[in-house]
Amino acid sequence: MTAGKYFVLLGVAAFGAIGDTLLARGMKSFGAVAPSQIFHLLSAVLNPWVFLGIFFLLAFMSAYLSALSWADLTYVLPATAFGYVFIAVIARFLLHEHISPVRWLGIVLITAGVGFVAGGPESSSTKKTGGTESALSTAGTRP
């Protein structure tokens, strides 16, 4: 795997964590919103923290789509789990949230699991690159 692909996977984890953290920060300053108050919830987008969080989540989605274009979902999705580590660190030190030892243990277990999954190939033998036919089209089904 190239350095650029590692950078994309790092972007997936970092952009998602930063976006979620900014959304949390913005909604805490915005206040509680009931599901029945949909127009009030939509006005939350005007909060600068929420707006910036949405921007980072759009960057997350772009990196995620890029990663899915060259790697299997079973490879990309576990790589996003590193975002849990980023979220915990950001929430602890920037949002000053208390994270219990049980949650830290959970984060360590998730990270260890990702390490096991990441050791496998980035693409299965059924996925072809370079514009050739996919497994679906060879089976007679067009996407």
N, C-alpha and C. Protein backbone atom coordinates (compact mmCIF):
# COMPACT_ATOMS: atom_id res chain seq x y z
N MET A 1 0.85 -1.17 0.00
CA MET A 1 0.00 0.00 0.00
C MET A 1 0.89 1.24 0.00
N THR A 2 0.49 2.22 -0.76
CA THR A 2 1.30 3.43 -0.90
C THR A 2 1.09 4.38 0.28
N ALA A 3 2.00 5.34 0.39
CA ALA A 3 1.89 6.34 1.46
C ALA A 3 0.62 7.17 1.29
N GLY A 4 0.23 7.44 0.06
CA GLY A 4 -0.99 8.20 -0.20
C GLY A 4 -2.23 7.49 0.32
N LYS A 5 -2.26 6.17 0.20
CA LYS A 5 -3.40 5.40 0.69
C LYS A 5 -3.44 5.42 2.22
N TYR A 6 -2.27 5.34 2.84
CA TYR A 6 -2.23 5.46 4.30
C TYR A 6 -2.72 6.84 4.73
N PHE A 7 -2.36 7.86 3.96
CA PHE A 7 -2.79 9.22 4.27
C PHE A 7 -4.31 9.35 4.17
N VAL A 8 -4.91 8.70 3.17
CA VAL A 8 -6.37 8.72 3.02
C VAL A 8 -7.03 8.04 4.21
N LEU A 9 -6.50 6.89 4.63
CA LEU A 9 -7.07 6.19 5.79
C LEU A 9 -6.91 7.01 7.07
N LEU A 10 -5.78 7.68 7.22
CA LEU A 10 -5.60 8.57 8.36
C LEU A 10 -6.59 9.73 8.30
N GLY A 11 -6.82 10.25 7.10
CA GLY A 11 -7.81 11.31 6.92
C GLY A 11 -9.20 10.87 7.29
N VAL A 12 -9.57 9.62 6.94
CA VAL A 12 -10.88 9.08 7.30
C VAL A 12 -11.05 9.13 8.81
N ALA A 13 -10.06 8.61 9.54
CA ALA A 13 -10.15 8.57 11.00
C ALA A 13 -10.11 9.97 11.61
N ALA A 14 -9.21 10.81 11.14
CA ALA A 14 -9.05 12.14 11.73
C ALA A 14 -10.22 13.07 11.40
N PHE A 15 -10.63 13.11 10.13
CA PHE A 15 -11.73 14.01 9.76
C PHE A 15 -13.02 13.63 10.46
N GLY A 16 -13.30 12.33 10.58
CA GLY A 16 -14.50 11.89 11.28
C GLY A 16 -14.47 12.28 12.74
N ALA A 17 -13.34 12.07 13.39
CA ALA A 17 -13.21 12.39 14.82
C ALA A 17 -13.32 13.90 15.05
N ILE A 18 -12.65 14.68 14.23
CA ILE A 18 -12.70 16.14 14.38
C ILE A 18 -14.11 16.65 14.11
N GLY A 19 -14.74 16.14 13.05
CA GLY A 19 -16.10 16.56 12.73
C GLY A 19 -17.09 16.24 13.83
N ASP A 20 -17.03 15.02 14.37
CA ASP A 20 -17.92 14.65 15.47
C ASP A 20 -17.68 15.50 16.71
N THR A 21 -16.42 15.78 17.00
CA THR A 21 -16.09 16.59 18.17
C THR A 21 -16.62 18.02 18.00
N LEU A 22 -16.46 18.58 16.81
CA LEU A 22 -16.96 19.93 16.57
C LEU A 22 -18.48 19.99 16.65
N LEU A 23 -19.15 18.93 16.15
CA LEU A 23 -20.61 18.88 16.28
C LEU A 23 -21.02 18.83 17.74
N ALA A 24 -20.32 18.02 18.54
CA ALA A 24 -20.64 17.93 19.97
C ALA A 24 -20.44 19.28 20.65
N ARG A 25 -19.35 19.94 20.34
CA ARG A 25 -19.06 21.26 20.92
C ARG A 25 -20.14 22.27 20.54
N GLY A 26 -20.52 22.26 19.28
CA GLY A 26 -21.54 23.19 18.81
C GLY A 26 -22.90 22.93 19.41
N MET A 27 -23.29 21.68 19.52
CA MET A 27 -24.62 21.37 20.05
C MET A 27 -24.69 21.61 21.55
N LYS A 28 -23.57 21.46 22.25
CA LYS A 28 -23.58 21.78 23.68
C LYS A 28 -23.78 23.27 23.90
N SER A 29 -23.21 24.09 23.04
CA SER A 29 -23.41 25.53 23.17
C SER A 29 -24.77 25.96 22.61
N PHE A 30 -25.34 25.19 21.69
CA PHE A 30 -26.63 25.51 21.10
C PHE A 30 -27.77 25.19 22.07
N GLY A 31 -27.64 24.10 22.80
CA GLY A 31 -28.68 23.72 23.75
C GLY A 31 -29.48 22.52 23.27
N ALA A 32 -30.32 22.02 24.16
CA ALA A 32 -31.12 20.83 23.88
C ALA A 32 -32.19 21.13 22.83
N VAL A 33 -32.41 20.15 21.95
CA VAL A 33 -33.42 20.26 20.91
C VAL A 33 -34.21 18.96 20.89
N ALA A 34 -35.53 19.07 21.00
CA ALA A 34 -36.40 17.89 20.92
C ALA A 34 -36.57 17.49 19.46
N PRO A 35 -36.76 16.19 19.19
CA PRO A 35 -36.95 15.76 17.81
C PRO A 35 -38.14 16.44 17.12
N SER A 36 -39.12 16.86 17.90
CA SER A 36 -40.29 17.52 17.31
C SER A 36 -39.98 18.95 16.87
N GLN A 37 -38.84 19.48 17.25
CA GLN A 37 -38.45 20.85 16.90
C GLN A 37 -37.47 20.84 15.73
N ILE A 38 -37.88 20.27 14.62
CA ILE A 38 -36.97 20.07 13.49
C ILE A 38 -36.45 21.40 12.93
N PHE A 39 -37.26 22.44 12.90
CA PHE A 39 -36.79 23.72 12.36
C PHE A 39 -35.78 24.37 13.29
N HIS A 40 -35.96 24.17 14.59
CA HIS A 40 -34.98 24.68 15.55
C HIS A 40 -33.65 23.93 15.38
N LEU A 41 -33.77 22.62 15.13
CA LEU A 41 -32.57 21.80 14.92
C LEU A 41 -31.84 22.23 13.65
N LEU A 42 -32.58 22.54 12.60
CA LEU A 42 -31.96 22.99 11.35
C LEU A 42 -31.24 24.32 11.53
N SER A 43 -31.73 25.15 12.45
CA SER A 43 -31.05 26.42 12.69
C SER A 43 -29.71 26.23 13.40
N ALA A 44 -29.48 25.03 13.94
CA ALA A 44 -28.20 24.75 14.59
C ALA A 44 -27.04 24.82 13.59
N VAL A 45 -27.34 24.63 12.33
CA VAL A 45 -26.30 24.69 11.29
C VAL A 45 -25.64 26.06 11.26
N LEU A 46 -26.36 27.08 11.72
CA LEU A 46 -25.80 28.43 11.73
C LEU A 46 -24.76 28.61 12.84
N ASN A 47 -24.71 27.68 13.78
CA ASN A 47 -23.69 27.72 14.82
C ASN A 47 -22.34 27.44 14.15
N PRO A 48 -21.32 28.28 14.36
CA PRO A 48 -20.04 28.08 13.67
C PRO A 48 -19.39 26.73 13.97
N TRP A 49 -19.53 26.22 15.19
CA TRP A 49 -18.94 24.92 15.53
C TRP A 49 -19.63 23.80 14.76
N VAL A 50 -20.95 23.87 14.68
CA VAL A 50 -21.71 22.85 13.94
C VAL A 50 -21.37 22.94 12.45
N PHE A 51 -21.33 24.14 11.92
CA PHE A 51 -21.01 24.33 10.50
C PHE A 51 -19.63 23.76 10.19
N LEU A 52 -18.65 24.05 11.04
CA LEU A 52 -17.30 23.52 10.84
C LEU A 52 -17.27 22.00 10.98
N GLY A 53 -18.06 21.48 11.92
CA GLY A 53 -18.16 20.02 12.08
C GLY A 53 -18.71 19.36 10.83
N ILE A 54 -19.72 19.97 10.23
CA ILE A 54 -20.28 19.43 8.99
C ILE A 54 -19.24 19.46 7.88
N PHE A 55 -18.45 20.53 7.82
CA PHE A 55 -17.38 20.62 6.83
C PHE A 55 -16.39 19.46 6.99
N PHE A 56 -15.97 19.18 8.22
CA PHE A 56 -15.03 18.07 8.45
C PHE A 56 -15.67 16.72 8.16
N LEU A 57 -16.96 16.59 8.42
CA LEU A 57 -17.62 15.33 8.10
C LEU A 57 -17.77 15.15 6.59
N LEU A 58 -17.88 16.24 5.85
CA LEU A 58 -17.85 16.14 4.39
C LEU A 58 -16.47 15.71 3.90
N ALA A 59 -15.42 16.22 4.55
CA ALA A 59 -14.05 15.78 4.21
C ALA A 59 -13.89 14.30 4.56
N PHE A 60 -14.47 13.87 5.70
CA PHE A 60 -14.46 12.45 6.07
C PHE A 60 -15.11 11.61 4.97
N MET A 61 -16.29 12.05 4.51
CA MET A 61 -17.01 11.27 3.50
C MET A 61 -16.22 11.20 2.20
N SER A 62 -15.55 12.28 1.83
CA SER A 62 -14.73 12.27 0.62
C SER A 62 -13.58 11.28 0.74
N ALA A 63 -12.89 11.30 1.87
CA ALA A 63 -11.79 10.36 2.08
C ALA A 63 -12.30 8.92 2.15
N TYR A 64 -13.45 8.73 2.79
CA TYR A 64 -14.05 7.40 2.91
C TYR A 64 -14.41 6.84 1.53
N LEU A 65 -15.03 7.67 0.71
CA LEU A 65 -15.38 7.23 -0.64
C LEU A 65 -14.12 6.91 -1.45
N SER A 66 -13.10 7.72 -1.29
CA SER A 66 -11.84 7.46 -1.98
C SER A 66 -11.27 6.11 -1.56
N ALA A 67 -11.26 5.86 -0.26
CA ALA A 67 -10.72 4.58 0.23
C ALA A 67 -11.54 3.40 -0.28
N LEU A 68 -12.86 3.54 -0.33
CA LEU A 68 -13.69 2.44 -0.82
C LEU A 68 -13.50 2.18 -2.30
N SER A 69 -12.96 3.16 -3.03
CA SER A 69 -12.74 2.96 -4.45
C SER A 69 -11.56 2.03 -4.73
N TRP A 70 -10.65 1.85 -3.76
CA TRP A 70 -9.49 0.98 -3.99
C TRP A 70 -9.33 -0.13 -2.95
N ALA A 71 -10.19 -0.16 -1.95
CA ALA A 71 -10.07 -1.21 -0.94
C ALA A 71 -11.45 -1.74 -0.56
N ASP A 72 -11.47 -2.94 -0.04
CA ASP A 72 -12.72 -3.56 0.38
C ASP A 72 -13.29 -2.86 1.62
N LEU A 73 -14.60 -2.93 1.76
CA LEU A 73 -15.27 -2.36 2.92
C LEU A 73 -14.77 -3.00 4.21
N THR A 74 -14.49 -4.29 4.17
CA THR A 74 -14.02 -4.98 5.37
C THR A 74 -12.61 -4.57 5.76
N TYR A 75 -11.92 -3.85 4.91
CA TYR A 75 -10.61 -3.29 5.23
C TYR A 75 -10.74 -1.83 5.65
N VAL A 76 -11.58 -1.06 4.96
CA VAL A 76 -11.70 0.38 5.21
C VAL A 76 -12.45 0.65 6.51
N LEU A 77 -13.56 -0.05 6.72
CA LEU A 77 -14.37 0.24 7.90
C LEU A 77 -13.62 0.02 9.21
N PRO A 78 -12.88 -1.08 9.38
CA PRO A 78 -12.10 -1.20 10.61
C PRO A 78 -11.05 -0.10 10.77
N ALA A 79 -10.52 0.39 9.65
CA ALA A 79 -9.53 1.47 9.75
C ALA A 79 -10.14 2.73 10.33
N THR A 80 -11.45 2.91 10.14
CA THR A 80 -12.11 4.08 10.72
C THR A 80 -12.19 3.98 12.24
N ALA A 81 -11.99 2.80 12.79
CA ALA A 81 -12.06 2.62 14.24
C ALA A 81 -10.96 3.39 14.96
N PHE A 82 -9.88 3.72 14.27
CA PHE A 82 -8.86 4.55 14.90
C PHE A 82 -9.42 5.91 15.28
N GLY A 83 -10.52 6.28 14.66
CA GLY A 83 -11.19 7.52 15.02
C GLY A 83 -11.65 7.52 16.48
N TYR A 84 -11.96 6.34 17.03
CA TYR A 84 -12.35 6.24 18.43
C TYR A 84 -11.23 6.74 19.34
N VAL A 85 -10.01 6.41 18.99
CA VAL A 85 -8.86 6.88 19.77
C VAL A 85 -8.77 8.40 19.68
N PHE A 86 -8.88 8.92 18.44
CA PHE A 86 -8.80 10.37 18.25
C PHE A 86 -9.92 11.09 19.00
N ILE A 87 -11.14 10.56 18.92
CA ILE A 87 -12.28 11.17 19.61
C ILE A 87 -12.05 11.19 21.12
N ALA A 88 -11.57 10.08 21.67
CA ALA A 88 -11.35 10.01 23.11
C ALA A 88 -10.30 11.04 23.56
N VAL A 89 -9.23 11.14 22.82
CA VAL A 89 -8.17 12.09 23.19
C VAL A 89 -8.67 13.53 23.06
N ILE A 90 -9.37 13.83 21.97
CA ILE A 90 -9.89 15.18 21.77
C ILE A 90 -10.93 15.51 22.85
N ALA A 91 -11.84 14.58 23.11
CA ALA A 91 -12.88 14.82 24.11
C ALA A 91 -12.27 15.01 25.50
N ARG A 92 -11.24 14.27 25.80
CA ARG A 92 -10.62 14.36 27.13
C ARG A 92 -9.88 15.69 27.31
N PHE A 93 -9.11 16.08 26.33
CA PHE A 93 -8.24 17.23 26.52
C PHE A 93 -8.81 18.56 26.00
N LEU A 94 -9.69 18.53 25.02
CA LEU A 94 -10.25 19.78 24.51
C LEU A 94 -11.66 20.06 25.04
N LEU A 95 -12.46 19.00 25.18
CA LEU A 95 -13.82 19.19 25.71
C LEU A 95 -13.88 18.94 27.21
N HIS A 96 -12.78 18.47 27.77
CA HIS A 96 -12.66 18.20 29.22
C HIS A 96 -13.69 17.20 29.72
N GLU A 97 -13.98 16.20 28.91
CA GLU A 97 -14.90 15.14 29.31
C GLU A 97 -14.16 14.09 30.12
N HIS A 98 -14.88 13.51 31.08
CA HIS A 98 -14.30 12.42 31.86
C HIS A 98 -14.50 11.12 31.08
N ILE A 99 -13.43 10.36 30.92
CA ILE A 99 -13.51 9.07 30.24
C ILE A 99 -13.12 8.02 31.25
N SER A 100 -14.05 7.13 31.55
CA SER A 100 -13.82 6.12 32.58
C SER A 100 -12.78 5.10 32.11
N PRO A 101 -12.16 4.42 33.06
CA PRO A 101 -11.20 3.37 32.68
C PRO A 101 -11.82 2.27 31.81
N VAL A 102 -13.10 1.99 32.02
CA VAL A 102 -13.78 0.97 31.21
C VAL A 102 -13.85 1.43 29.75
N ARG A 103 -14.13 2.71 29.53
CA ARG A 103 -14.15 3.22 28.15
C ARG A 103 -12.76 3.18 27.53
N TRP A 104 -11.72 3.55 28.30
CA TRP A 104 -10.36 3.46 27.77
C TRP A 104 -10.03 2.02 27.40
N LEU A 105 -10.45 1.07 28.23
CA LEU A 105 -10.23 -0.34 27.93
C LEU A 105 -10.93 -0.73 26.63
N GLY A 106 -12.16 -0.26 26.47
CA GLY A 106 -12.89 -0.54 25.23
C GLY A 106 -12.17 0.02 24.01
N ILE A 107 -11.63 1.21 24.15
CA ILE A 107 -10.89 1.83 23.04
C ILE A 107 -9.64 1.02 22.71
N VAL A 108 -8.95 0.54 23.74
CA VAL A 108 -7.76 -0.29 23.53
C VAL A 108 -8.15 -1.60 22.83
N LEU A 109 -9.26 -2.22 23.25
CA LEU A 109 -9.70 -3.47 22.62
C LEU A 109 -10.08 -3.25 21.15
N ILE A 110 -10.77 -2.15 20.87
CA ILE A 110 -11.12 -1.83 19.48
C ILE A 110 -9.86 -1.64 18.65
N THR A 111 -8.91 -0.91 19.18
CA THR A 111 -7.66 -0.65 18.46
C THR A 111 -6.90 -1.95 18.22
N ALA A 112 -6.87 -2.83 19.22
CA ALA A 112 -6.20 -4.13 19.04
C ALA A 112 -6.90 -4.95 17.97
N GLY A 113 -8.22 -4.92 17.97
CA GLY A 113 -8.97 -5.65 16.94
C GLY A 113 -8.68 -5.11 15.55
N VAL A 114 -8.58 -3.81 15.44
CA VAL A 114 -8.25 -3.19 14.16
C VAL A 114 -6.86 -3.63 13.71
N GLY A 115 -5.95 -3.75 14.64
CA GLY A 115 -4.60 -4.22 14.31
C GLY A 115 -4.62 -5.61 13.70
N PHE A 116 -5.48 -6.48 14.21
CA PHE A 116 -5.60 -7.83 13.64
C PHE A 116 -6.17 -7.79 12.24
N VAL A 117 -7.20 -6.98 12.04
CA VAL A 117 -7.85 -6.89 10.73
C VAL A 117 -6.94 -6.22 9.71
N ALA A 118 -6.22 -5.18 10.14
CA ALA A 118 -5.37 -4.43 9.22
C ALA A 118 -4.22 -5.26 8.68
N GLY A 119 -3.91 -6.37 9.32
CA GLY A 119 -2.82 -7.21 8.85
C GLY A 119 -3.15 -7.96 7.58
N GLY A 120 -4.44 -7.98 7.20
CA GLY A 120 -4.85 -8.69 6.00
C GLY A 120 -4.67 -7.85 4.75
N PRO A 121 -5.02 -8.42 3.59
CA PRO A 121 -4.88 -7.67 2.34
C PRO A 121 -5.90 -6.54 2.25
N GLU A 122 -5.55 -5.48 1.51
CA GLU A 122 -6.46 -4.35 1.36
C GLU A 122 -7.57 -4.64 0.38
N SER A 123 -7.38 -5.62 -0.48
CA SER A 123 -8.37 -5.94 -1.49
C SER A 123 -8.45 -7.44 -1.66
N SER A 124 -9.69 -7.93 -1.76
CA SER A 124 -9.86 -9.36 -1.95
C SER A 124 -9.60 -9.73 -3.40
N SER A 125 -9.55 -11.01 -3.67
CA SER A 125 -9.25 -11.45 -5.03
C SER A 125 -10.42 -11.21 -5.98
N THR A 126 -11.64 -10.96 -5.45
CA THR A 126 -12.78 -10.71 -6.34
C THR A 126 -12.84 -9.28 -6.82
N LYS A 127 -12.14 -8.38 -6.15
CA LYS A 127 -12.18 -6.97 -6.55
C LYS A 127 -11.05 -6.71 -7.54
N LYS A 128 -11.40 -6.12 -8.66
CA LYS A 128 -10.41 -5.83 -9.68
C LYS A 128 -10.26 -4.33 -9.79
N THR A 129 -9.09 -3.90 -10.16
CA THR A 129 -8.82 -2.47 -10.29
C THR A 129 -8.56 -2.12 -11.74
N GLY A 130 -8.47 -0.83 -12.01
CA GLY A 130 -8.09 -0.37 -13.34
C GLY A 130 -9.22 -0.40 -14.35
N GLY A 131 -10.48 -0.37 -13.88
CA GLY A 131 -11.60 -0.29 -14.80
C GLY A 131 -12.03 -1.62 -15.36
N THR A 132 -11.47 -2.74 -14.90
CA THR A 132 -11.91 -4.03 -15.40
C THR A 132 -13.22 -4.39 -14.75
N GLU A 133 -13.82 -5.48 -15.18
CA GLU A 133 -15.12 -5.88 -14.67
C GLU A 133 -15.06 -6.24 -13.21
N SER A 134 -16.11 -5.91 -12.50
CA SER A 134 -16.20 -6.27 -11.09
C SER A 134 -16.81 -7.65 -10.96
N ALA A 135 -16.84 -8.17 -9.74
CA ALA A 135 -17.43 -9.47 -9.47
C ALA A 135 -18.92 -9.46 -9.83
N LEU A 136 -19.62 -8.35 -9.63
CA LEU A 136 -21.04 -8.27 -9.96
C LEU A 136 -21.27 -8.39 -11.46
N SER A 137 -20.45 -7.69 -12.26
CA SER A 137 -20.67 -7.73 -13.69
C SER A 137 -20.29 -9.07 -14.28
N THR A 138 -19.33 -9.77 -13.70
CA THR A 138 -18.98 -11.09 -14.22
C THR A 138 -20.04 -12.11 -13.85
N ALA A 139 -20.85 -11.83 -12.83
CA ALA A 139 -21.92 -12.72 -12.44
C ALA A 139 -23.18 -12.44 -13.27
N GLY A 140 -23.15 -11.46 -14.14
CA GLY A 140 -24.28 -11.15 -14.99
C GLY A 140 -25.15 -10.04 -14.44
N THR A 141 -24.78 -9.43 -13.34
CA THR A 141 -25.56 -8.35 -12.75
C THR A 141 -24.78 -7.06 -12.88
N ARG A 142 -25.39 -6.07 -13.40
CA ARG A 142 -24.75 -4.76 -13.53
C ARG A 142 -25.09 -3.91 -12.33
N PRO A 143 -24.09 -3.15 -11.78
CA PRO A 143 -24.37 -2.28 -10.64
C PRO A 143 -25.27 -1.12 -11.02
